[in-house]
C-alpha atoms as a PDB file:
ATOM      1  CA  MET A   1     -24.225 -32.084  -5.988  1.00  0.00           C
ATOM      2  CA  ALA A   2     -22.663 -31.925  -9.495  1.00  0.00           C
ATOM      3  CA  ASP A   3     -24.336 -28.567  -9.885  1.00  0.00           C
ATOM      4  CA  LYS A   4     -22.898 -27.264  -7.097  1.00  0.00           C
ATOM      5  CA  GLU A   5     -19.131 -28.077  -8.762  1.00  0.00           C
ATOM      6  CA  LYS A   6     -20.653 -26.776 -12.855  1.00  0.00           C
ATOM      7  CA  GLU A   7     -21.236 -23.622 -10.754  1.00  0.00           C
ATOM      8  CA  ASP A   8     -17.961 -23.143  -9.215  1.00  0.00           C
ATOM      9  CA  LYS A   9     -16.426 -24.805 -12.055  1.00  0.00           C
ATOM     10  CA  ASN A  10     -18.340 -21.530 -14.227  1.00  0.00           C
ATOM     11  CA  LEU A  11     -17.585 -18.637 -11.737  1.00  0.00           C
ATOM     12  CA  MET A  12     -13.570 -19.986 -12.003  1.00  0.00           C
ATOM     13  CA  GLU A  13     -13.833 -19.518 -15.839  1.00  0.00           C
ATOM     14  CA  SER A  14     -15.463 -16.061 -15.675  1.00  0.00           C
ATOM     15  CA  ILE A  15     -13.078 -14.567 -13.062  1.00  0.00           C
ATOM     16  CA  LYS A  16     -10.313 -16.147 -15.277  1.00  0.00           C
ATOM     17  CA  HIS A  17     -12.377 -14.534 -18.136  1.00  0.00           C
ATOM     18  CA  ILE A  18     -12.209 -11.105 -15.522  1.00  0.00           C
ATOM     19  CA  LEU A  19      -9.179 -11.130 -15.089  1.00  0.00           C
ATOM     20  CA  GLY A  20      -6.717 -11.429 -18.692  1.00  0.00           C
ATOM     21  CA  LYS A  21      -9.027  -7.887 -18.967  1.00  0.00           C
ATOM     22  CA  GLU A  22      -7.987  -6.157 -16.684  1.00  0.00           C
ATOM     23  CA  ASP A  23      -6.260  -4.163 -18.519  1.00  0.00           C
ATOM     24  CA  LYS A  24      -9.766  -3.453 -20.116  1.00  0.00           C
ATOM     25  CA  ILE A  25     -11.012  -2.144 -17.135  1.00  0.00           C
ATOM     26  CA  ASN A  26      -8.559   0.377 -16.015  1.00  0.00           C
ATOM     27  CA  ASP A  27      -8.528   2.055 -19.787  1.00  0.00           C
ATOM     28  CA  GLN A  28     -11.974   2.702 -18.606  1.00  0.00           C
ATOM     29  CA  LEU A  29     -10.549   4.613 -15.486  1.00  0.00           C
ATOM     30  CA  ASP A  30      -7.402   5.569 -17.449  1.00  0.00           C
ATOM     31  CA  ASN A  31     -10.044   7.888 -19.946  1.00  0.00           C
ATOM     32  CA  GLY A  32     -13.189   9.104 -18.404  1.00  0.00           C
ATOM     33  CA  ARG A  33     -15.569   6.498 -18.692  1.00  0.00           C
ATOM     34  CA  GLY A  34     -18.202   7.580 -16.338  1.00  0.00           C
ATOM     35  CA  LEU A  35     -16.681   5.263 -13.981  1.00  0.00           C
ATOM     36  CA  GLU A  36     -14.301   7.538 -12.249  1.00  0.00           C
ATOM     37  CA  ARG A  37     -16.318   7.888  -9.341  1.00  0.00           C
ATOM     38  CA  TYR A  38     -16.233   3.993  -8.768  1.00  0.00           C
ATOM     39  CA  ALA A  39     -12.269   3.697  -9.123  1.00  0.00           C
ATOM     40  CA  LYS A  40     -11.114   2.826  -6.229  1.00  0.00           C
ATOM     41  CA  ASP A  41     -14.392   0.526  -5.245  1.00  0.00           C
ATOM     42  CA  LEU A  42     -13.797  -1.074  -8.543  1.00  0.00           C
ATOM     43  CA  LEU A  43     -10.207  -1.557  -8.299  1.00  0.00           C
ATOM     44  CA  LEU A  44     -10.332  -2.803  -5.048  1.00  0.00           C
ATOM     45  CA  LEU A  45     -13.323  -4.975  -6.459  1.00  0.00           C
ATOM     46  CA  MET A  46     -10.246  -6.431  -8.951  1.00  0.00           C
ATOM     47  CA  SER A  47      -8.476  -7.154  -5.974  1.00  0.00           C
ATOM     48  CA  LEU A  48     -10.957  -9.403  -4.506  1.00  0.00           C
ATOM     49  CA  VAL A  49     -11.551 -11.320  -7.353  1.00  0.00           C
ATOM     50  CA  LYS A  50      -7.649 -12.278  -7.669  1.00  0.00           C
ATOM     51  CA  ASP A  51      -7.346 -12.977  -4.480  1.00  0.00           C
ATOM     52  CA  TYR A  52     -10.512 -14.731  -4.438  1.00  0.00           C
ATOM     53  CA  TYR A  53      -8.489 -16.831  -7.932  1.00  0.00           C
ATOM     54  CA  ARG A  54      -5.730 -17.341  -5.935  1.00  0.00           C
ATOM     55  CA  GLY A  55      -7.087 -19.295  -3.131  1.00  0.00           C
ATOM     56  CA  ASN A  56      -5.459 -16.469  -0.461  1.00  0.00           C
ATOM     57  CA  TYR A  57      -8.927 -14.785   0.245  1.00  0.00           C
ATOM     58  CA  ARG A  58     -12.967 -17.171  -0.206  1.00  0.00           C
ATOM     59  CA  ASN A  59     -14.522 -15.494   3.235  1.00  0.00           C
ATOM     60  CA  ILE A  60     -16.322 -14.328   1.088  1.00  0.00           C
ATOM     61  CA  PRO A  61     -20.310 -15.451   0.492  1.00  0.00           C
ATOM     62  CA  TYR A  62     -20.504 -17.330  -2.872  1.00  0.00           C
ATOM     63  CA  LYS A  63     -23.176 -14.244  -3.894  1.00  0.00           C
ATOM     64  CA  THR A  64     -21.010 -11.716  -2.981  1.00  0.00           C
ATOM     65  CA  ILE A  65     -18.463 -13.349  -4.856  1.00  0.00           C
ATOM     66  CA  SER A  66     -20.726 -13.744  -8.518  1.00  0.00           C
ATOM     67  CA  ALA A  67     -21.869 -10.520  -7.812  1.00  0.00           C
ATOM     68  CA  ALA A  68     -18.648  -9.044  -8.613  1.00  0.00           C
ATOM     69  CA  VAL A  69     -17.888 -11.286 -11.080  1.00  0.00           C
ATOM     70  CA  VAL A  70     -20.737 -10.218 -13.018  1.00  0.00           C
ATOM     71  CA  GLY A  71     -20.894  -7.008 -12.662  1.00  0.00           C
ATOM     72  CA  LEU A  72     -16.895  -6.528 -13.954  1.00  0.00           C
ATOM     73  CA  LEU A  73     -18.810  -8.927 -16.727  1.00  0.00           C
ATOM     74  CA  TYR A  74     -21.080  -6.753 -17.157  1.00  0.00           C
ATOM     75  CA  VAL A  75     -18.585  -3.492 -17.806  1.00  0.00           C
ATOM     76  CA  LEU A  76     -16.496  -5.647 -19.711  1.00  0.00           C
ATOM     77  CA  ASN A  77     -19.105  -6.092 -22.414  1.00  0.00           C
ATOM     78  CA  PRO A  78     -18.831  -3.481 -24.731  1.00  0.00           C
ATOM     79  CA  ILE A  79     -22.793  -4.599 -26.238  1.00  0.00           C
ATOM     80  CA  ASP A  80     -24.611  -4.874 -23.049  1.00  0.00           C
ATOM     81  CA  LEU A  81     -28.043  -1.804 -22.584  1.00  0.00           C
ATOM     82  CA  ILE A  82     -26.352   1.087 -23.769  1.00  0.00           C
ATOM     83  CA  PRO A  83     -23.494   0.225 -25.965  1.00  0.00           C
ATOM     84  CA  ASP A  84     -20.196   1.490 -24.952  1.00  0.00           C
ATOM     85  CA  PHE A  85     -19.203   3.656 -27.894  1.00  0.00           C
ATOM     86  CA  ILE A  86     -22.528   5.798 -27.843  1.00  0.00           C
ATOM     87  CA  PRO A  87     -21.222   9.415 -26.874  1.00  0.00           C
ATOM     88  CA  PHE A  88     -21.218  10.275 -22.913  1.00  0.00           C
ATOM     89  CA  ILE A  89     -23.970   8.129 -22.182  1.00  0.00           C
ATOM     90  CA  GLY A  90     -22.746   4.586 -22.938  1.00  0.00           C
ATOM     91  CA  GLN A  91     -21.632   4.534 -19.219  1.00  0.00           C
ATOM     92  CA  VAL A  92     -24.360   4.996 -17.711  1.00  0.00           C
ATOM     93  CA  ASP A  93     -25.402   1.397 -17.574  1.00  0.00           C
ATOM     94  CA  ASP A  94     -22.205   0.395 -16.261  1.00  0.00           C
ATOM     95  CA  ALA A  95     -21.674   2.398 -13.795  1.00  0.00           C
ATOM     96  CA  LEU A  96     -24.987   1.853 -12.350  1.00  0.00           C
ATOM     97  CA  VAL A  97     -24.845  -2.069 -12.347  1.00  0.00           C
ATOM     98  CA  LEU A  98     -21.770  -1.137 -10.905  1.00  0.00           C
ATOM     99  CA  ARG A  99     -23.085   0.766  -8.180  1.00  0.00           C
ATOM    100  CA  PHE A 100     -25.823  -2.334  -7.303  1.00  0.00           C
ATOM    101  CA  CYS A 101     -23.052  -4.849  -7.186  1.00  0.00           C
ATOM    102  CA  LEU A 102     -21.265  -2.819  -5.346  1.00  0.00           C
ATOM    103  CA  LYS A 103     -24.507  -1.760  -2.731  1.00  0.00           C
ATOM    104  CA  LEU A 104     -25.523  -5.578  -2.716  1.00  0.00           C
ATOM    105  CA  MET A 105     -21.558  -6.088  -1.768  1.00  0.00           C
ATOM    106  CA  GLU A 106     -20.598  -3.565   0.659  1.00  0.00           C
ATOM    107  CA  LYS A 107     -20.404  -5.053   3.629  1.00  0.00           C
ATOM    108  CA  ASP A 108     -18.208  -8.201   2.679  1.00  0.00           C
ATOM    109  CA  LEU A 109     -16.261  -6.036   0.200  1.00  0.00           C
ATOM    110  CA  SER A 110     -15.495  -3.891   3.474  1.00  0.00           C
ATOM    111  CA  LYS A 111     -14.328  -7.203   5.238  1.00  0.00           C
ATOM    112  CA  TYR A 112     -12.042  -7.656   2.555  1.00  0.00           C
ATOM    113  CA  LYS A 113     -10.537  -4.587   2.225  1.00  0.00           C
ATOM    114  CA  LYS A 114      -9.301  -4.714   6.110  1.00  0.00           C
ATOM    115  CA  TRP A 115      -8.602  -7.964   5.759  1.00  0.00           C
ATOM    116  CA  LYS A 116      -5.850  -6.691   2.791  1.00  0.00           C
ATOM    117  CA  GLU A 117      -5.101  -3.788   4.661  1.00  0.00           C
ATOM    118  CA  GLN A 118      -3.636  -6.379   7.565  1.00  0.00           C
ATOM    119  CA  GLN A 119      -1.601  -8.588   4.695  1.00  0.00           C
ATOM    120  CA  THR A 120      -0.029  -5.659   3.659  1.00  0.00           C
ATOM    121  CA  ASP A 121       1.099  -4.447   7.029  1.00  0.00           C
ATOM    122  CA  SER A 122       2.193  -7.979   7.901  1.00  0.00           C
ATOM    123  CA  GLU A 123       4.168  -8.096   4.396  1.00  0.00           C
ATOM    124  CA  LYS A 124       5.492  -4.696   5.691  1.00  0.00           C
ATOM    125  CA  GLU A 125       6.656  -5.418   8.960  1.00  0.00           C
ATOM    126  CA  ALA A 126       8.093  -8.940   7.517  1.00  0.00           C
ATOM    127  CA  GLU A 127      10.232  -6.536   5.001  1.00  0.00           C
ATOM    128  CA  GLU A 128      11.787  -4.314   8.380  1.00  0.00           C
ATOM    129  CA  SER A 129      11.994  -7.391   9.905  1.00  0.00           C
ATOM    130  CA  ASN A 130      14.605  -8.991   7.193  1.00  0.00           C
ATOM    131  CA  ASP A 131      15.821  -5.610   5.921  1.00  0.00           C
ATOM    132  CA  THR A 132      16.804  -5.193  10.174  1.00  0.00           C
ATOM    133  CA  LYS A 133      18.111  -8.700  10.239  1.00  0.00           C
ATOM    134  CA  ALA A 134      20.193  -8.035   6.843  1.00  0.00           C
ATOM    135  CA  ASN A 135      21.347  -4.963   8.424  1.00  0.00           C
ATOM    136  CA  GLU A 136      22.774  -6.926  12.171  1.00  0.00           C
ATOM    137  CA  ASP A 137      24.064 -10.152   9.683  1.00  0.00           C
ATOM    138  CA  GLU A 138      26.282  -7.209   7.803  1.00  0.00           C
ATOM    139  CA  GLU A 139      27.923  -5.584  10.800  1.00  0.00           C
ATOM    140  CA  GLU A 140      27.941  -8.946  12.094  1.00  0.00           C
ATOM    141  CA  ASN A 141      29.753  -9.961   9.063  1.00  0.00           C
ATOM    142  CA  THR A 142      31.858  -6.835   9.113  1.00  0.00           C
ATOM    143  CA  GLU A 143      32.829  -7.015  12.136  1.00  0.00           C
ATOM    144  CA  ALA A 144      34.142 -10.486  11.861  1.00  0.00           C
ATOM    145  CA  SER A 145      36.020  -9.207   8.924  1.00  0.00           C
ATOM    146  CA  ASP A 146      37.842  -6.568  11.020  1.00  0.00           C
ATOM    147  CA  ASP A 147      38.659  -8.636  13.940  1.00  0.00           C
ATOM    148  CA  LYS A 148      40.268 -11.340  10.304  1.00  0.00           C
ATOM    149  CA  LYS A 149      42.143  -8.053   9.951  1.00  0.00           C
ATOM    150  CA  GLU A 150      43.133  -7.858  13.177  1.00  0.00           C
ATOM    151  CA  SER A 151      44.706 -11.321  13.826  1.00  0.00           C
ATOM    152  CA  LYS A 152      46.445 -11.356  10.952  1.00  0.00           C
ATOM    153  CA  LYS A 153      49.092  -8.363  12.274  1.00  0.00           C
END
């Protein structure tokens, strides 16, 4: 039991570290560092890690979130199998590790993507509903104001 708690604590600390380095991952994507073909998946992976950390999405096996964390930590680490500062080939190992992790978690990442899209759709519906309600309230207030003006005359 204590081992499980220790693993969970280590995972959450690693996730916190990754989230603190999100800008670095975005820079690697923006600067053409060999990860462009994985850009969408990498951004989705970051979103998954964020939602897991915040407790918004926990419907994922431990091994999957661990693979995501390991993959992202590897991409963030400048000193790895092939150091990132070596031009042209510095990101080859990052891309291979990322590809391997994405392949391992393909089904779970797909489930997360569907969940995320549902959340976005629900937020849009709620926003539209709020806009409609606000417009209705505004019309009622305008009508009430007009009625008040007419009764004063």
